[in-house]
């Protein structure tokens, strides 16, 4: 009788704790509610529903962003939720806000896409998958439990596979199938590695004290094998070497607004998971600096040199995203507070750069009908405002002044140099040298597009629409932060300083 009462009391406390934790998940609840509203609206109305679907989507994002800001002001230290399944802190809140902004920019890009707009808003399918991806990415930043990490990654992956093959076309179907096969293999390997870690430690909670103790007692070889398998799944979502093969075909075949989402949201969410995983498995048996250093060098080098030979802008941006994944890993490699802040600053700037780049590429694609470099010749003379914005974004992606891309790489390299002076690990100086050399290499392919726009003559006469002014106004809103943050990055750095990167362990 006494045991039954104790069990009932324990269950009651867990239910009460779970109910209280739901208030901390209001942004995620709003995302789920928006998905339900989109589906219901789509089922009720048969015609002329594009305005209603767009209104629901933007209203849901706006309300979710307001709740995220409220969370930012109310949460100062890490808080465990759902019995340790999730961990709410300012790092996750900051990234959730960035994801919401990113998806908003993607929907604006879809609205400005011309004919493609009909595919986005004629039914709720694409919007539901995009909000599902947002939900998965949000939970990826919150997850501190291996099971929740796997589930959230799968939510993002499944939505991504569907979005890739949702629109008609043989090339899109082929890219979606390739994406699905690579993703399924990476997911299976990752899950197998997680099962090893669970078998070794007896817990799925990365922030549990027993997990930290058990990790130190595992022999080096099985621990290394388990970590390699788990990291394989994370690197797939990051799009880093050696699990980057899917990127070019998916980027080329998928509609531009969706590619813009693929290029940022899953990457930054995966980066946070890698940051947590590497810092929580803190054992001298694994030389994380050497591992991540090699991955960063390989990603930067393979991405940049592969981008040099591309004839399609979206494929070029796909390979450049692999290189940027390497630069993002450098922030983790520094293993310092300045490195963490540099990683987050670079990730935030990368979000703005990529959405700006894909928006402008879509405008050019709407004018020419494709995204090949050859079709862009001479367009800068006819579309000077758009071409000027393209120049600014490409300079930012290269990492040159006067753009925030320069600040991002400066902070990354500064943190890496500080870590080398404090640590003296040889891999750090090699990453530093390869990073600088790869920045020079990136200059050649990023400035190829502005060169073709301004200094080449068109091969044939192109009839342009008269929307340049409105396109340029929206494009300026996307690009202007890249210039402002170069001159006033201190405000943004101050925001980074208010984030506590200490991982919660009871």
Protein backbone atom coordinates (compact mmCIF):
# COMPACT_ATOMS: atom_id res chain seq x y z
CA UNK A 1 0.00 0.00 0.00
CA UNK A 2 2.83 2.36 0.95
CA UNK A 3 4.73 1.56 -2.27
CA UNK A 4 1.58 2.28 -4.33
CA UNK A 5 1.13 5.64 -2.62
CA UNK A 6 4.77 6.57 -3.22
CA UNK A 7 4.50 5.63 -6.91
CA UNK A 8 1.30 7.65 -7.24
CA UNK A 9 2.94 10.61 -5.51
CA UNK A 10 6.01 10.36 -7.79
CA UNK A 11 3.86 10.21 -10.91
CA UNK A 12 1.83 13.19 -9.72
CA UNK A 13 5.02 15.21 -9.19
CA UNK A 14 6.29 14.29 -12.66
CA UNK A 15 3.01 15.32 -14.27
CA UNK A 16 3.03 18.62 -12.38
CA UNK A 17 6.64 19.24 -13.41
CA UNK A 18 5.82 18.43 -17.05
CA UNK A 19 2.86 20.83 -17.01
CA UNK A 20 5.09 23.61 -15.69
CA UNK A 21 7.72 22.85 -18.35
CA UNK A 22 5.14 23.25 -21.12
CA UNK A 23 5.11 26.99 -20.43
CA UNK A 24 8.80 27.05 -21.35
CA UNK A 25 7.90 25.44 -24.70
CA UNK A 26 5.31 28.01 -25.79
CA UNK A 27 7.22 28.93 -29.00
CA UNK A 28 7.24 25.27 -30.04
CA UNK A 29 3.55 24.94 -29.15
CA UNK A 30 2.82 27.95 -31.38
CA UNK A 31 4.71 26.27 -34.24
CA UNK A 32 2.61 23.11 -33.83
CA UNK A 33 -0.57 25.20 -33.63
CA UNK A 34 0.40 27.03 -36.83
CA UNK A 35 0.89 23.70 -38.60
CA UNK A 36 -2.58 22.57 -37.50
CA UNK A 37 -4.16 25.87 -38.60
CA UNK A 38 -2.49 25.63 -42.02
CA UNK A 39 -3.82 22.12 -42.57
CA UNK A 40 -7.34 22.95 -41.36
CA UNK A 41 -7.49 26.13 -43.47
CA UNK A 42 -6.32 24.19 -46.51
CA UNK A 43 -9.02 21.56 -45.98
CA UNK A 44 -11.84 24.06 -45.48
CA UNK A 45 -11.11 26.43 -48.36
CA UNK A 46 -10.75 25.03 -51.87
CA UNK A 47 -9.98 28.18 -53.87
CA UNK A 48 -8.20 31.52 -53.41
CA UNK A 49 -6.48 30.45 -50.23
CA UNK A 50 -2.95 31.73 -50.87
CA UNK A 51 -3.49 34.97 -48.93
CA UNK A 52 -4.98 33.12 -45.96
CA UNK A 53 -2.15 30.57 -45.85
CA UNK A 54 0.46 33.31 -46.05
CA UNK A 55 -1.31 35.30 -43.31
CA UNK A 56 -1.39 32.27 -40.98
CA UNK A 57 2.27 31.52 -41.63
CA UNK A 58 3.51 35.05 -41.00
CA UNK A 59 1.24 35.51 -37.97
CA UNK A 60 2.52 32.26 -36.47
CA UNK A 61 6.15 33.31 -37.01
CA UNK A 62 5.52 36.76 -35.53
CA UNK A 63 3.84 35.39 -32.40
CA UNK A 64 6.55 32.76 -32.00
CA UNK A 65 9.23 35.45 -32.26
CA UNK A 66 7.53 37.58 -29.58
CA UNK A 67 7.42 34.59 -27.23
CA UNK A 68 11.09 33.88 -27.94
CA UNK A 69 12.02 37.46 -27.00
CA UNK A 70 10.06 37.09 -23.76
CA UNK A 71 11.98 33.89 -23.04
CA UNK A 72 15.27 35.69 -23.63
CA UNK A 73 14.46 38.24 -20.91
CA UNK A 74 13.09 35.67 -18.45
CA UNK A 75 15.80 32.99 -18.76
CA UNK A 76 19.35 33.79 -17.65
CA UNK A 77 20.77 30.39 -16.74
CA UNK A 78 20.26 26.87 -18.08
CA UNK A 79 17.06 25.12 -17.08
CA UNK A 80 16.37 21.40 -17.45
CA UNK A 81 12.96 20.56 -18.90
CA UNK A 82 10.94 17.35 -19.19
CA UNK A 83 13.07 15.42 -16.69
CA UNK A 84 16.29 16.26 -18.50
CA UNK A 85 15.14 15.58 -22.06
CA UNK A 86 15.54 19.26 -22.95
CA UNK A 87 17.73 22.09 -21.74
CA UNK A 88 16.56 25.67 -22.16
CA UNK A 89 19.21 28.39 -22.13
CA UNK A 90 20.01 31.65 -23.87
CA UNK A 91 22.04 29.89 -26.55
CA UNK A 92 19.03 27.85 -27.67
CA UNK A 93 16.72 30.87 -27.37
CA UNK A 94 19.05 33.01 -29.50
CA UNK A 95 19.22 30.37 -32.22
CA UNK A 96 15.46 29.83 -32.18
CA UNK A 97 15.02 33.54 -32.82
CA UNK A 98 17.48 33.32 -35.69
CA UNK A 99 15.62 30.36 -37.18
CA UNK A 100 12.33 32.26 -37.06
CA UNK A 101 13.92 35.23 -38.81
CA UNK A 102 15.43 32.91 -41.39
CA UNK A 103 12.14 31.20 -42.20
CA UNK A 104 10.45 34.60 -42.46
CA UNK A 105 13.10 35.66 -45.00
CA UNK A 106 12.52 32.40 -46.90
CA UNK A 107 8.77 33.04 -47.15
CA UNK A 108 9.44 36.60 -48.34
CA UNK A 109 11.77 35.13 -50.95
CA UNK A 110 8.98 32.75 -52.01
CA UNK A 111 6.53 35.65 -52.36
CA UNK A 112 9.00 37.49 -54.61
CA UNK A 113 9.67 34.38 -56.71
CA UNK A 114 7.08 35.00 -59.42
CA UNK A 115 5.66 31.75 -60.83
CA UNK A 116 7.12 29.72 -57.95
CA UNK A 117 4.87 31.62 -55.54
CA UNK A 118 1.91 29.53 -56.73
CA UNK A 119 3.61 26.31 -55.61
CA UNK A 120 4.31 27.70 -52.14
CA UNK A 121 0.89 29.08 -51.32
CA UNK A 122 -1.59 27.15 -53.46
CA UNK A 123 -1.77 24.53 -50.69
CA UNK A 124 -0.38 24.00 -47.22
CA UNK A 125 2.06 21.20 -48.09
CA UNK A 126 5.27 23.20 -48.44
CA UNK A 127 4.42 25.52 -45.54
CA UNK A 128 3.65 22.60 -43.23
CA UNK A 129 6.98 20.95 -44.08
CA UNK A 130 8.86 24.22 -43.54
CA UNK A 131 7.26 24.71 -40.13
CA UNK A 132 7.98 21.07 -39.33
CA UNK A 133 11.63 21.69 -40.18
CA UNK A 134 11.57 24.77 -37.94
CA UNK A 135 10.12 22.69 -35.11
CA UNK A 136 12.78 20.01 -35.49
CA UNK A 137 15.60 22.57 -35.63
CA UNK A 138 14.21 24.25 -32.51
CA UNK A 139 14.21 20.97 -30.59
CA UNK A 140 17.73 20.23 -31.85
CA UNK A 141 18.98 23.32 -30.04
CA UNK A 142 17.08 22.32 -26.88
CA UNK A 143 17.94 18.62 -26.79
CA UNK A 144 20.42 17.28 -24.26
CA UNK A 145 19.25 13.66 -24.44
CA UNK A 146 20.46 11.25 -27.12
CA UNK A 147 16.93 10.05 -27.87
CA UNK A 148 15.58 13.60 -28.26
CA UNK A 149 18.58 14.53 -30.40
CA UNK A 150 17.84 11.61 -32.73
CA UNK A 151 14.11 12.37 -32.94
CA UNK A 152 14.64 16.08 -33.62
CA UNK A 153 17.25 15.34 -36.31
CA UNK A 154 14.85 12.89 -37.95
CA UNK A 155 12.05 15.48 -37.95
CA UNK A 156 14.35 17.92 -39.77
CA UNK A 157 15.58 15.20 -42.14
CA UNK A 158 12.15 13.86 -43.10
CA UNK A 159 10.83 17.36 -43.76
CA UNK A 160 13.92 18.08 -45.86
CA UNK A 161 13.50 14.92 -47.97
CA UNK A 162 9.85 15.76 -48.66
CA UNK A 163 10.61 19.40 -49.50
CA UNK A 164 13.30 18.33 -51.96
CA UNK A 165 10.99 16.03 -53.92
CA UNK A 166 7.67 17.80 -53.37
CA UNK A 167 7.78 19.88 -56.54
CA UNK A 168 7.59 18.09 -59.89
CA UNK A 169 10.58 17.24 -62.03
CA UNK A 170 12.94 14.34 -62.74
CA UNK A 171 15.99 16.15 -61.40
CA UNK A 172 14.15 17.01 -58.17
CA UNK A 173 13.06 13.40 -57.68
CA UNK A 174 16.59 12.17 -58.29
CA UNK A 175 18.03 14.68 -55.80
CA UNK A 176 15.40 13.77 -53.20
CA UNK A 177 16.16 10.05 -53.58
CA UNK A 178 19.90 10.64 -53.24
CA UNK A 179 19.29 12.86 -50.21
CA UNK A 180 17.05 10.20 -48.64
CA UNK A 181 19.54 7.34 -49.18
CA UNK A 182 22.49 9.27 -47.76
CA UNK A 183 20.35 10.52 -44.88
CA UNK A 184 19.03 7.05 -44.02
CA UNK A 185 22.54 5.59 -43.92
CA UNK A 186 23.87 8.47 -41.81
CA UNK A 187 20.89 8.20 -39.46
CA UNK A 188 21.32 4.44 -39.01
CA UNK A 189 25.03 4.80 -38.25
CA UNK A 190 24.36 7.61 -35.80
CA UNK A 191 21.66 5.63 -34.00
CA UNK A 192 23.98 2.63 -33.71
CA UNK A 193 26.67 4.84 -32.18
CA UNK A 194 24.15 6.25 -29.72
CA UNK A 195 23.20 2.72 -28.68
CA UNK A 196 26.87 2.06 -27.91
CA UNK A 197 27.07 5.14 -25.71
CA UNK A 198 23.88 4.12 -23.92
CA UNK A 199 25.26 0.64 -23.36
CA UNK A 200 28.50 2.05 -21.95
CA UNK A 201 26.97 4.69 -19.68
CA UNK A 202 23.50 3.39 -18.84
CA UNK A 203 21.90 6.77 -19.55
CA UNK A 204 20.74 8.78 -22.57
CA UNK A 205 21.10 12.14 -20.83
CA UNK A 206 24.31 13.87 -21.90
CA UNK A 207 24.13 16.33 -19.00
CA UNK A 208 23.68 13.65 -16.35
CA UNK A 209 26.51 13.32 -13.83
CA UNK A 210 26.55 9.52 -14.26
CA UNK A 211 27.14 9.97 -18.02
CA UNK A 212 30.19 12.17 -17.37
CA UNK A 213 31.61 9.67 -14.88
CA UNK A 214 30.96 6.60 -17.07
CA UNK A 215 32.61 8.20 -20.12
CA UNK A 216 35.95 8.35 -18.29
CA UNK A 217 35.82 4.58 -17.63
CA UNK A 218 35.27 3.44 -21.23
CA UNK A 219 38.29 2.02 -23.14
CA UNK A 220 39.64 4.26 -25.89
CA UNK A 221 38.86 2.10 -28.95
CA UNK A 222 35.12 1.42 -28.37
CA UNK A 223 34.57 5.02 -27.20
CA UNK A 224 36.26 6.35 -30.35
CA UNK A 225 34.19 4.08 -32.60
CA UNK A 226 30.96 5.16 -30.90
CA UNK A 227 31.85 8.85 -31.19
CA UNK A 228 32.79 8.48 -34.87
CA UNK A 229 29.42 6.90 -35.65
CA UNK A 230 27.47 9.54 -33.72
CA UNK A 231 29.45 12.40 -35.25
CA UNK A 232 28.69 10.98 -38.69
CA UNK A 233 25.00 11.81 -38.28
CA UNK A 234 25.78 15.28 -36.95
CA UNK A 235 28.19 16.05 -39.80
CA UNK A 236 25.55 14.97 -42.33
CA UNK A 237 23.17 17.67 -41.07
CA UNK A 238 26.02 20.18 -40.89
CA UNK A 239 26.90 19.36 -44.50
CA UNK A 240 30.58 19.06 -43.63
CA UNK A 241 33.24 16.74 -45.05
CA UNK A 242 33.06 13.76 -45.57
CA UNK A 243 29.22 13.64 -45.50
CA UNK A 244 28.67 16.48 -47.96
CA UNK A 245 28.06 14.57 -51.20
CA UNK A 246 24.31 15.22 -51.21
CA UNK A 247 24.59 19.02 -51.08
CA UNK A 248 25.26 20.09 -54.71
CA UNK A 249 22.47 18.04 -56.33
CA UNK A 250 19.93 19.01 -53.67
CA UNK A 251 20.84 22.70 -53.88
CA UNK A 252 20.63 22.74 -57.68
CA UNK A 253 17.31 20.88 -57.98
CA UNK A 254 15.35 22.37 -55.08
CA UNK A 255 13.45 25.70 -55.33
CA UNK A 256 15.61 28.58 -54.14
CA UNK A 257 13.58 29.61 -51.03
CA UNK A 258 13.74 26.04 -49.73
CA UNK A 259 17.47 25.78 -50.47
CA UNK A 260 18.00 28.95 -48.44
CA UNK A 261 16.38 27.21 -45.46
CA UNK A 262 18.45 24.03 -46.02
CA UNK A 263 21.65 26.05 -46.13
CA UNK A 264 21.23 27.60 -42.68
CA UNK A 265 18.69 26.14 -40.23
CA UNK A 266 19.82 22.48 -40.09
CA UNK A 267 23.48 23.53 -40.18
CA UNK A 268 23.32 25.86 -37.20
CA UNK A 269 21.16 23.42 -35.23
CA UNK A 270 23.66 20.61 -35.95
CA UNK A 271 26.51 22.93 -34.94
CA UNK A 272 24.95 23.40 -31.49
CA UNK A 273 24.56 19.64 -31.07
CA UNK A 274 28.21 19.07 -32.04
CA UNK A 275 29.21 21.81 -29.58
CA UNK A 276 27.29 20.08 -26.77
CA UNK A 277 28.49 16.60 -27.68
CA UNK A 278 32.17 17.51 -27.90
CA UNK A 279 32.19 19.53 -24.70
CA UNK A 280 30.22 16.98 -22.66
CA UNK A 281 32.34 14.00 -23.75
CA UNK A 282 35.37 15.58 -22.17
CA UNK A 283 37.98 12.85 -21.85
CA UNK A 284 41.72 12.73 -22.66
CA UNK A 285 41.09 9.47 -24.56
CA UNK A 286 39.72 11.48 -27.50
CA UNK A 287 41.75 14.31 -29.00
CA UNK A 288 38.82 16.47 -30.09
CA UNK A 289 41.14 19.24 -31.26
CA UNK A 290 42.82 16.88 -33.74
CA UNK A 291 39.52 15.39 -34.93
CA UNK A 292 37.70 18.67 -35.43
CA UNK A 293 40.80 20.34 -36.83
CA UNK A 294 41.09 17.72 -39.58
CA UNK A 295 37.37 17.98 -40.36
CA UNK A 296 37.57 21.79 -40.53
CA UNK A 297 40.60 21.75 -42.85
CA UNK A 298 39.04 19.11 -45.11
CA UNK A 299 35.66 20.88 -45.27
CA UNK A 300 37.20 24.27 -46.07
CA UNK A 301 39.56 22.87 -48.70
CA UNK A 302 37.18 20.46 -50.45
CA UNK A 303 34.36 23.01 -50.43
CA UNK A 304 36.37 25.93 -51.78
CA UNK A 305 38.32 24.06 -54.47
CA UNK A 306 35.20 22.24 -55.67
CA UNK A 307 33.34 25.57 -55.92
CA UNK A 308 36.02 26.91 -58.28
CA UNK A 309 34.94 24.63 -61.12
CA UNK A 310 31.17 25.01 -60.89
CA UNK A 311 29.13 26.38 -63.79
CA UNK A 312 25.90 26.82 -61.82
CA UNK A 313 25.49 29.45 -59.09
CA UNK A 314 23.44 27.23 -56.78
CA UNK A 315 25.98 24.41 -57.03
CA UNK A 316 28.70 26.94 -56.28
CA UNK A 317 26.82 28.09 -53.19
CA UNK A 318 26.36 24.44 -52.18
CA UNK A 319 30.11 23.83 -52.18
CA UNK A 320 30.72 27.16 -50.47
CA UNK A 321 28.34 26.06 -47.70
CA UNK A 322 30.61 23.04 -47.15
CA UNK A 323 33.54 25.42 -46.76
CA UNK A 324 31.56 27.60 -44.34
CA UNK A 325 30.76 24.47 -42.30
CA UNK A 326 34.51 24.12 -41.83
CA UNK A 327 34.79 27.72 -40.61
CA UNK A 328 31.91 27.13 -38.19
CA UNK A 329 33.76 24.11 -36.77
CA UNK A 330 36.76 26.34 -36.09
CA UNK A 331 34.73 28.15 -33.42
CA UNK A 332 34.25 24.83 -31.58
CA UNK A 333 37.90 23.94 -32.14
CA UNK A 334 39.06 26.96 -30.14
CA UNK A 335 37.50 25.52 -26.94
CA UNK A 336 37.25 28.93 -25.30
CA UNK A 337 34.61 31.51 -24.47
CA UNK A 338 35.89 33.79 -27.24
CA UNK A 339 35.71 30.85 -29.66
CA UNK A 340 32.12 30.12 -28.66
CA UNK A 341 31.13 33.75 -29.18
CA UNK A 342 32.97 33.88 -32.51
CA UNK A 343 31.18 30.69 -33.62
CA UNK A 344 27.78 32.17 -32.79
CA UNK A 345 28.60 35.53 -34.38
CA UNK A 346 29.83 33.83 -37.55
CA UNK A 347 26.74 31.60 -37.63
CA UNK A 348 24.44 34.63 -37.30
CA UNK A 349 26.24 36.51 -40.08
CA UNK A 350 26.22 33.35 -42.20
CA UNK A 351 22.43 33.23 -41.85
CA UNK A 352 22.10 36.78 -43.16
CA UNK A 353 24.65 36.25 -45.95
CA UNK A 354 23.06 33.07 -47.25
CA UNK A 355 19.47 34.29 -47.24
CA UNK A 356 20.59 37.48 -48.94
CA UNK A 357 22.56 35.52 -51.54
CA UNK A 358 19.75 33.11 -52.38
CA UNK A 359 17.19 35.91 -52.55
CA UNK A 360 19.31 37.80 -55.09
CA UNK A 361 20.12 34.64 -57.05
CA UNK A 362 16.39 33.97 -57.29
CA UNK A 363 15.82 37.47 -58.71
CA UNK A 364 18.46 36.80 -61.38
CA UNK A 365 16.99 33.35 -62.02
CA UNK A 366 13.56 34.90 -62.55
CA UNK A 367 15.02 37.18 -65.22
CA UNK A 368 17.05 34.56 -67.12
CA UNK A 369 15.22 31.30 -66.44
CA UNK A 370 18.20 29.43 -64.98
CA UNK A 371 21.12 29.87 -62.57
CA UNK A 372 24.08 29.15 -64.84
CA UNK A 373 26.97 31.60 -64.77
CA UNK A 374 26.81 32.07 -68.53
CA UNK A 375 23.24 33.37 -68.39
CA UNK A 376 24.31 36.16 -65.99
CA UNK A 377 26.58 37.95 -68.44
CA UNK A 378 25.79 41.66 -68.75
CA UNK A 379 22.81 41.67 -66.38
CA UNK A 380 24.58 44.15 -64.11
CA UNK A 381 24.18 46.87 -66.73
CA UNK A 382 20.43 46.27 -66.99
CA UNK A 383 19.87 45.58 -63.27
CA UNK A 384 22.43 47.82 -61.54
CA UNK A 385 20.71 47.86 -58.14
CA UNK A 386 20.39 44.08 -57.90
CA UNK A 387 23.92 43.57 -59.19
CA UNK A 388 25.31 46.01 -56.62
CA UNK A 389 23.62 44.06 -53.84
CA UNK A 390 25.04 40.84 -55.27
CA UNK A 391 28.51 42.39 -55.08
CA UNK A 392 28.05 43.27 -51.40
CA UNK A 393 26.84 39.76 -50.51
CA UNK A 394 29.69 38.07 -52.39
CA UNK A 395 32.22 40.29 -50.63
CA UNK A 396 30.61 39.33 -47.31
CA UNK A 397 30.74 35.61 -48.13
CA UNK A 398 34.42 35.99 -49.02
CA UNK A 399 35.06 37.66 -45.68
CA UNK A 400 36.27 41.07 -46.82
CA UNK A 401 35.54 44.58 -45.48
CA UNK A 402 33.34 46.58 -45.28
CA UNK A 403 30.96 43.72 -44.45
CA UNK A 404 30.15 41.68 -41.34
CA UNK A 405 31.65 38.62 -43.07
CA UNK A 406 35.05 40.18 -42.39
CA UNK A 407 34.21 40.62 -38.69
CA UNK A 408 33.04 37.01 -38.47
CA UNK A 409 36.26 35.57 -39.89
CA UNK A 410 38.35 38.02 -37.87
CA UNK A 411 36.74 36.86 -34.62
CA UNK A 412 37.08 33.19 -35.63
CA UNK A 413 40.78 33.48 -36.48
CA UNK A 414 41.50 35.65 -33.42
CA UNK A 415 39.94 33.04 -31.10
CA UNK A 416 41.87 30.27 -32.85
CA UNK A 417 45.16 32.16 -32.50
CA UNK A 418 44.51 32.79 -28.80
CA UNK A 419 43.85 29.09 -28.28
CA UNK A 420 47.07 28.19 -30.10
CA UNK A 421 49.08 30.53 -27.89
CA UNK A 422 47.50 29.04 -24.76
CA UNK A 423 47.47 25.39 -25.87
CA UNK A 424 50.24 25.03 -28.43
CA UNK A 425 48.55 22.12 -30.24
CA UNK A 426 50.04 21.84 -33.75
CA UNK A 427 46.65 21.27 -35.44
CA UNK A 428 45.52 24.75 -34.39
CA UNK A 429 48.23 26.52 -36.39
CA UNK A 430 47.53 24.26 -39.38
CA UNK A 431 43.85 25.16 -39.26
CA UNK A 432 44.82 28.84 -39.00
CA UNK A 433 47.06 28.64 -42.10
CA UNK A 434 44.57 26.60 -44.16
CA UNK A 435 41.78 28.94 -43.13
CA UNK A 436 43.64 31.98 -44.44
CA UNK A 437 44.60 30.22 -47.69
CA UNK A 438 41.02 29.08 -48.25
CA UNK A 439 39.78 32.65 -47.78
CA UNK A 440 42.02 33.65 -50.69
CA UNK A 441 40.72 30.76 -52.80
CA UNK A 442 37.11 31.77 -52.06
CA UNK A 443 37.82 35.22 -53.48
CA UNK A 444 38.14 33.79 -57.01
CA UNK A 445 34.74 32.09 -57.25
CA UNK A 446 32.70 34.54 -55.17
CA UNK A 447 33.75 37.50 -57.33
CA UNK A 448 33.12 35.55 -60.53
CA UNK A 449 29.40 36.40 -60.46
CA UNK A 450 29.85 40.20 -60.02
CA UNK A 451 32.53 40.10 -62.73
CA UNK A 452 30.12 38.48 -65.20
CA UNK A 453 27.33 40.85 -64.22
CA UNK A 454 29.32 44.05 -64.77
CA UNK A 455 32.13 43.30 -67.22
CA UNK A 456 30.68 40.85 -69.74
CA UNK A 457 28.20 41.46 -72.53
CA UNK A 458 25.04 39.31 -72.77
CA UNK A 459 25.05 36.52 -75.35
CA UNK A 460 21.48 37.28 -76.40
CA UNK A 461 18.82 39.89 -75.78
CA UNK A 462 16.90 39.29 -72.53
CA UNK A 463 13.48 40.75 -71.85
CA UNK A 464 13.42 41.89 -68.22
CA UNK A 465 10.43 42.61 -66.02
CA UNK A 466 9.98 46.00 -64.38
CA UNK A 467 10.23 44.86 -60.75
CA UNK A 468 13.84 45.85 -60.08
CA UNK A 469 12.98 48.70 -57.70
CA UNK A 470 10.73 46.59 -55.47
CA UNK A 471 13.16 43.65 -55.64
CA UNK A 472 16.04 45.94 -54.70
CA UNK A 473 14.14 47.40 -51.73
CA UNK A 474 13.54 43.95 -50.27
CA UNK A 475 17.09 42.92 -51.12
CA UNK A 476 18.44 45.99 -49.32
CA UNK A 477 16.60 44.94 -46.16
CA UNK A 478 18.34 41.56 -46.43
CA UNK A 479 21.80 42.98 -47.17
CA UNK A 480 21.88 46.15 -45.03
CA UNK A 481 22.62 44.30 -41.74
CA UNK A 482 25.83 42.97 -43.31
CA UNK A 483 27.06 46.54 -43.68
CA UNK A 484 25.73 47.84 -40.36
CA UNK A 485 27.31 45.01 -38.35
CA UNK A 486 30.69 45.80 -39.85
CA UNK A 487 30.64 49.30 -38.39
CA UNK A 488 28.66 48.50 -35.23
CA UNK A 489 29.40 44.89 -34.40
CA UNK A 490 29.95 45.89 -30.75
CA UNK A 491 26.19 45.78 -30.13
CA UNK A 492 25.94 42.26 -31.49
CA UNK A 493 29.06 41.15 -29.62
CA UNK A 494 27.48 42.51 -26.44
CA UNK A 495 24.51 40.27 -27.13
CA UNK A 496 26.90 37.31 -27.46
CA UNK A 497 28.49 38.20 -24.13
CA UNK A 498 25.14 37.82 -22.36
CA UNK A 499 24.94 34.18 -23.43
CA UNK A 500 26.23 31.63 -20.94
CA UNK A 501 27.90 28.80 -22.85
CA UNK A 502 28.39 26.69 -19.74
CA UNK A 503 26.64 23.36 -20.25
CA UNK A 504 24.28 22.35 -17.46
CA UNK A 505 25.37 19.32 -15.40
CA UNK A 506 23.64 18.63 -12.07
